[in-house]
C-alpha atoms as a PDB file:
ATOM      1  CA  MET A   1      40.935 -16.518  13.229  1.00  0.00           C
ATOM      2  CA  GLN A   2      38.690 -15.066  10.562  1.00  0.00           C
ATOM      3  CA  PHE A   3      39.674 -14.538   6.958  1.00  0.00           C
ATOM      4  CA  ALA A   4      38.195 -12.697   3.995  1.00  0.00           C
ATOM      5  CA  TRP A   5      38.840 -14.060   0.546  1.00  0.00           C
ATOM      6  CA  ILE A   6      37.938 -12.004  -2.502  1.00  0.00           C
ATOM      7  CA  GLY A   7      38.237 -13.165  -6.102  1.00  0.00           C
ATOM      8  CA  PHE A   8      37.631 -11.051  -9.194  1.00  0.00           C
ATOM      9  CA  LEU A   9      36.508 -12.818 -12.365  1.00  0.00           C
ATOM     10  CA  LYS A  10      38.309 -12.519 -15.673  1.00  0.00           C
ATOM     11  CA  ALA A  11      36.435 -10.225 -18.072  1.00  0.00           C
ATOM     12  CA  GLY A  12      33.538 -12.014 -19.747  1.00  0.00           C
ATOM     13  CA  ARG A  13      33.924 -15.158 -17.620  1.00  0.00           C
ATOM     14  CA  ASP A  14      31.354 -16.730 -15.361  1.00  0.00           C
ATOM     15  CA  ALA A  15      30.848 -20.131 -13.821  1.00  0.00           C
ATOM     16  CA  ASP A  16      28.898 -22.796 -15.662  1.00  0.00           C
ATOM     17  CA  GLN A  17      26.317 -24.979 -13.899  1.00  0.00           C
ATOM     18  CA  GLU A  18      28.864 -27.687 -13.063  1.00  0.00           C
ATOM     19  CA  VAL A  19      31.160 -25.196 -11.301  1.00  0.00           C
ATOM     20  CA  LEU A  20      28.203 -23.654  -9.449  1.00  0.00           C
ATOM     21  CA  HIS A  21      27.203 -27.135  -8.240  1.00  0.00           C
ATOM     22  CA  GLU A  22      30.789 -27.696  -7.044  1.00  0.00           C
ATOM     23  CA  VAL A  23      30.644 -24.338  -5.226  1.00  0.00           C
ATOM     24  CA  ASN A  24      27.584 -25.528  -3.284  1.00  0.00           C
ATOM     25  CA  ASP A  25      29.498 -28.598  -2.113  1.00  0.00           C
ATOM     26  CA  PHE A  26      32.576 -26.486  -1.352  1.00  0.00           C
ATOM     27  CA  LEU A  27      30.609 -24.044   0.822  1.00  0.00           C
ATOM     28  CA  GLN A  28      28.932 -26.877   2.728  1.00  0.00           C
ATOM     29  CA  GLN A  29      32.135 -28.676   3.702  1.00  0.00           C
ATOM     30  CA  PRO A  30      31.996 -29.472   7.448  1.00  0.00           C
ATOM     31  CA  TYR A  31      35.545 -28.573   8.512  1.00  0.00           C
ATOM     32  CA  ILE A  32      35.713 -24.782   8.338  1.00  0.00           C
ATOM     33  CA  ARG A  33      32.846 -22.467   9.327  1.00  0.00           C
ATOM     34  CA  ILE A  34      31.839 -20.102   6.512  1.00  0.00           C
ATOM     35  CA  PRO A  35      29.407 -17.532   7.954  1.00  0.00           C
ATOM     36  CA  SER A  36      29.205 -15.441   4.783  1.00  0.00           C
ATOM     37  CA  ALA A  37      29.826 -15.977   1.082  1.00  0.00           C
ATOM     38  CA  GLY A  38      28.342 -14.435  -2.016  1.00  0.00           C
ATOM     39  CA  ALA A  39      28.664 -12.858  -5.411  1.00  0.00           C
ATOM     40  CA  LEU A  40      30.053  -9.405  -6.059  1.00  0.00           C
ATOM     41  CA  ARG A  41      28.009  -7.667  -8.767  1.00  0.00           C
ATOM     42  CA  ASP A  42      29.039  -4.795 -11.004  1.00  0.00           C
ATOM     43  CA  GLU A  43      26.880  -1.744 -11.786  1.00  0.00           C
ATOM     44  CA  ALA A  44      25.056  -3.705 -14.520  1.00  0.00           C
ATOM     45  CA  GLY A  45      24.249  -6.537 -12.114  1.00  0.00           C
ATOM     46  CA  ARG A  46      26.696  -9.011 -13.663  1.00  0.00           C
ATOM     47  CA  ARG A  47      28.736 -11.276 -11.408  1.00  0.00           C
ATOM     48  CA  ALA A  48      32.166  -9.644 -11.084  1.00  0.00           C
ATOM     49  CA  GLY A  49      33.601 -11.818  -8.334  1.00  0.00           C
ATOM     50  CA  MET A  50      33.026 -13.624  -5.090  1.00  0.00           C
ATOM     51  CA  MET A  51      33.709 -12.828  -1.451  1.00  0.00           C
ATOM     52  CA  MET A  52      33.816 -15.231   1.459  1.00  0.00           C
ATOM     53  CA  ILE A  53      34.307 -14.714   5.206  1.00  0.00           C
ATOM     54  CA  PHE A  54      35.393 -17.835   7.057  1.00  0.00           C
ATOM     55  CA  ASP A  55      37.056 -19.147  10.205  1.00  0.00           C
ATOM     56  CA  ALA A  56      40.317 -21.085  10.112  1.00  0.00           C
ATOM     57  CA  LYS A  57      42.849 -22.014  12.781  1.00  0.00           C
ATOM     58  CA  ASP A  58      45.679 -20.231  10.932  1.00  0.00           C
ATOM     59  CA  ARG A  59      46.708 -18.809   7.572  1.00  0.00           C
ATOM     60  CA  SER A  60      47.914 -22.147   6.220  1.00  0.00           C
ATOM     61  CA  ALA A  61      44.486 -23.695   6.899  1.00  0.00           C
ATOM     62  CA  ALA A  62      42.865 -20.698   5.181  1.00  0.00           C
ATOM     63  CA  GLU A  63      45.160 -21.072   2.162  1.00  0.00           C
ATOM     64  CA  ALA A  64      44.340 -24.795   1.989  1.00  0.00           C
ATOM     65  CA  LEU A  65      40.611 -24.005   1.840  1.00  0.00           C
ATOM     66  CA  VAL A  66      41.121 -21.345  -0.837  1.00  0.00           C
ATOM     67  CA  ALA A  67      43.148 -23.798  -2.947  1.00  0.00           C
ATOM     68  CA  GLU A  68      40.046 -26.029  -3.158  1.00  0.00           C
ATOM     69  CA  SER A  69      37.802 -23.283  -4.589  1.00  0.00           C
ATOM     70  CA  PRO A  70      35.958 -24.473  -7.709  1.00  0.00           C
ATOM     71  CA  PHE A  71      36.213 -20.956  -9.191  1.00  0.00           C
ATOM     72  CA  LEU A  72      39.976 -20.959  -8.688  1.00  0.00           C
ATOM     73  CA  LYS A  73      40.392 -24.498 -10.031  1.00  0.00           C
ATOM     74  CA  ALA A  74      38.350 -23.570 -13.120  1.00  0.00           C
ATOM     75  CA  GLY A  75      40.691 -20.647 -13.825  1.00  0.00           C
ATOM     76  CA  LEU A  76      37.918 -18.060 -13.573  1.00  0.00           C
ATOM     77  CA  TYR A  77      39.754 -15.496 -11.461  1.00  0.00           C
ATOM     78  CA  GLU A  78      41.777 -12.602 -12.839  1.00  0.00           C
ATOM     79  CA  GLN A  79      43.051 -12.055  -9.324  1.00  0.00           C
ATOM     80  CA  HIS A  80      42.219 -13.141  -5.806  1.00  0.00           C
ATOM     81  CA  HIS A  81      43.342 -12.064  -2.351  1.00  0.00           C
ATOM     82  CA  LEU A  82      43.251 -13.601   1.112  1.00  0.00           C
ATOM     83  CA  PHE A  83      43.221 -11.321   4.142  1.00  0.00           C
ATOM     84  CA  GLU A  84      42.981 -11.832   7.873  1.00  0.00           C
ATOM     85  CA  TYR A  85      39.635 -10.304   8.809  1.00  0.00           C
ATOM     86  CA  LEU A  86      38.975  -8.479  12.075  1.00  0.00           C
ATOM     87  CA  ASP A  87      35.264  -7.875  12.570  1.00  0.00           C
ATOM     88  CA  GLU A  88      34.888  -4.508  14.304  1.00  0.00           C
ATOM     89  CA  ILE A  89      31.086  -4.515  14.515  1.00  0.00           C
ATOM     90  CA  GLY A  90      28.950  -7.394  15.716  1.00  0.00           C
END
């Protein structure tokens, strides 16, 4: 199954270098394939959130991955949402 996870940062918050380093390790974990992940930018070009598309065997596995997010653990998100993702093109 594929999932899309979207997190929106709290106003005025961004990740420091330590969190960004942890994100690199998080995205390179070998257990769940993550074909796409990146920053969401607002109209001024500031990071407003993150989005990630990934494969997991079921929703509980997807939720377990999300729970390990360095952004989430650092309390940077105002809100975040996990959705099952059905790719209709490609």
